[in-house]
């Protein structure tokens, strides 16, 4: 993908700080069970499938491949999307998980694009 793995990791770790602070402001703590939604961008279907197969072997996440046609020439883009099972997290755990996700994506020539979550008890 376009960005170097170190740049992607540095950016994602920076985003973790802001996201964790926002979650704390909404009542989340290290005992709150969260399901994390995540996204990888992929240069093609083969790379996306490779990442899905790896994640299925290594995790119990819900994972799928999405494909969207963009533009007049019907250029197709690929993404791997998924969701973790509910688990308690901390900033340290999120940083470790993000590092693993960035590396997993990079090994399959995909780029980890980030994660999000819904705060329990809020719509």
Protein backbone atom coordinates (compact mmCIF):
# COMPACT_ATOMS: atom_id res chain seq x y z
CA UNK A 1 0.00 0.00 0.00
CA UNK A 2 1.02 3.63 -0.16
CA UNK A 3 2.27 4.37 3.34
CA UNK A 4 5.21 2.83 5.12
CA UNK A 5 4.26 0.46 7.98
CA UNK A 6 6.08 2.67 10.52
CA UNK A 7 4.06 5.72 9.42
CA UNK A 8 0.80 3.78 9.60
CA UNK A 9 1.64 2.46 13.07
CA UNK A 10 2.70 5.87 14.37
CA UNK A 11 -0.52 7.46 13.09
CA UNK A 12 -2.72 4.71 14.51
CA UNK A 13 -1.02 4.88 17.92
CA UNK A 14 -1.55 8.65 17.92
CA UNK A 15 -5.23 8.14 17.11
CA UNK A 16 -5.50 5.61 19.96
CA UNK A 17 -4.70 8.34 22.49
CA UNK A 18 -7.50 10.57 21.29
CA UNK A 19 -9.99 7.77 20.98
CA UNK A 20 -9.17 6.36 24.42
CA UNK A 21 -9.53 9.83 25.98
CA UNK A 22 -12.92 10.25 24.29
CA UNK A 23 -14.03 6.83 25.53
CA UNK A 24 -13.00 7.69 29.10
CA UNK A 25 -14.98 10.94 28.83
CA UNK A 26 -18.01 8.77 27.97
CA UNK A 27 -17.65 6.54 31.00
CA UNK A 28 -15.53 3.72 29.57
CA UNK A 29 -12.82 2.28 31.79
CA UNK A 30 -10.46 -0.71 31.71
CA UNK A 31 -13.27 -3.03 32.85
CA UNK A 32 -15.78 -1.98 30.19
CA UNK A 33 -16.43 -4.69 27.62
CA UNK A 34 -16.04 -3.31 24.09
CA UNK A 35 -16.38 -4.83 20.62
CA UNK A 36 -13.93 -3.16 18.27
CA UNK A 37 -14.90 -2.59 14.63
CA UNK A 38 -11.94 -2.45 12.27
CA UNK A 39 -11.08 -1.75 8.64
CA UNK A 40 -8.21 -2.59 6.30
CA UNK A 41 -7.79 -1.19 2.79
CA UNK A 42 -6.58 -3.71 0.25
CA UNK A 43 -5.05 -3.27 -3.21
CA UNK A 44 -7.00 -6.26 -4.54
CA UNK A 45 -9.17 -9.26 -3.87
CA UNK A 46 -6.25 -11.70 -3.53
CA UNK A 47 -4.59 -9.62 -0.83
CA UNK A 48 -7.91 -9.13 0.99
CA UNK A 49 -8.56 -12.88 0.93
CA UNK A 50 -5.07 -13.59 2.24
CA UNK A 51 -5.64 -11.23 5.17
CA UNK A 52 -9.06 -12.74 5.91
CA UNK A 53 -7.60 -16.25 5.93
CA UNK A 54 -4.83 -15.17 8.32
CA UNK A 55 -7.22 -13.38 10.68
CA UNK A 56 -9.58 -16.37 10.66
CA UNK A 57 -6.70 -18.68 11.64
CA UNK A 58 -5.41 -16.38 14.37
CA UNK A 59 -8.59 -14.86 15.86
CA UNK A 60 -12.27 -15.43 16.47
CA UNK A 61 -13.26 -12.11 14.85
CA UNK A 62 -16.22 -11.63 12.52
CA UNK A 63 -14.55 -10.74 9.20
CA UNK A 64 -15.72 -10.02 5.66
CA UNK A 65 -14.47 -8.59 2.40
CA UNK A 66 -16.25 -5.66 0.82
CA UNK A 67 -15.84 -4.48 -2.72
CA UNK A 68 -17.07 -1.19 -4.13
CA UNK A 69 -16.94 0.14 -7.67
CA UNK A 70 -15.73 3.73 -7.81
CA UNK A 71 -15.75 6.20 -10.63
CA UNK A 72 -16.78 6.12 -14.25
CA UNK A 73 -14.30 3.43 -15.15
CA UNK A 74 -15.78 1.19 -12.47
CA UNK A 75 -12.52 0.93 -10.60
CA UNK A 76 -13.04 -1.58 -7.82
CA UNK A 77 -11.70 -1.04 -4.33
CA UNK A 78 -11.38 -3.74 -1.69
CA UNK A 79 -11.66 -3.63 2.07
CA UNK A 80 -11.51 -6.13 4.91
CA UNK A 81 -13.90 -5.25 7.71
CA UNK A 82 -14.54 -6.96 10.98
CA UNK A 83 -15.50 -6.91 14.61
CA UNK A 84 -13.89 -8.38 17.70
CA UNK A 85 -15.78 -10.14 20.43
CA UNK A 86 -16.43 -7.99 23.50
CA UNK A 87 -13.34 -7.62 25.65
CA UNK A 88 -11.96 -5.27 28.28
CA UNK A 89 -9.21 -3.00 26.96
CA UNK A 90 -6.81 -0.33 28.13
CA UNK A 91 -4.67 2.09 26.19
CA UNK A 92 -1.72 -0.33 26.47
CA UNK A 93 -3.83 -3.24 25.21
CA UNK A 94 -5.16 -1.12 22.34
CA UNK A 95 -1.62 -0.10 21.38
CA UNK A 96 -0.49 -3.74 21.34
CA UNK A 97 -3.55 -4.81 19.35
CA UNK A 98 -3.13 -2.00 16.83
CA UNK A 99 0.54 -2.92 16.39
CA UNK A 100 -0.47 -6.52 15.69
CA UNK A 101 -3.22 -5.43 13.27
CA UNK A 102 -0.89 -3.08 11.37
CA UNK A 103 1.69 -5.88 11.03
CA UNK A 104 -0.96 -8.43 9.98
CA UNK A 105 -2.26 -6.10 7.32
CA UNK A 106 1.20 -5.24 6.06
CA UNK A 107 2.13 -8.92 5.71
CA UNK A 108 -0.84 -9.30 3.35
CA UNK A 109 -0.09 -6.02 1.51
CA UNK A 110 -3.13 -4.40 3.15
CA UNK A 111 -3.23 -1.25 5.24
CA UNK A 112 -4.91 -1.05 8.64
CA UNK A 113 -7.22 1.96 8.42
CA UNK A 114 -8.39 2.06 12.01
CA UNK A 115 -10.93 0.94 14.55
CA UNK A 116 -13.97 2.21 16.35
CA UNK A 117 -16.46 1.07 18.94
CA UNK A 118 -19.88 1.83 20.33
CA UNK A 119 -20.02 2.87 23.96
CA UNK A 120 -22.20 0.36 25.84
CA UNK A 121 -25.51 1.79 26.95
CA UNK A 122 -25.38 4.60 24.37
CA UNK A 123 -26.98 4.74 20.95
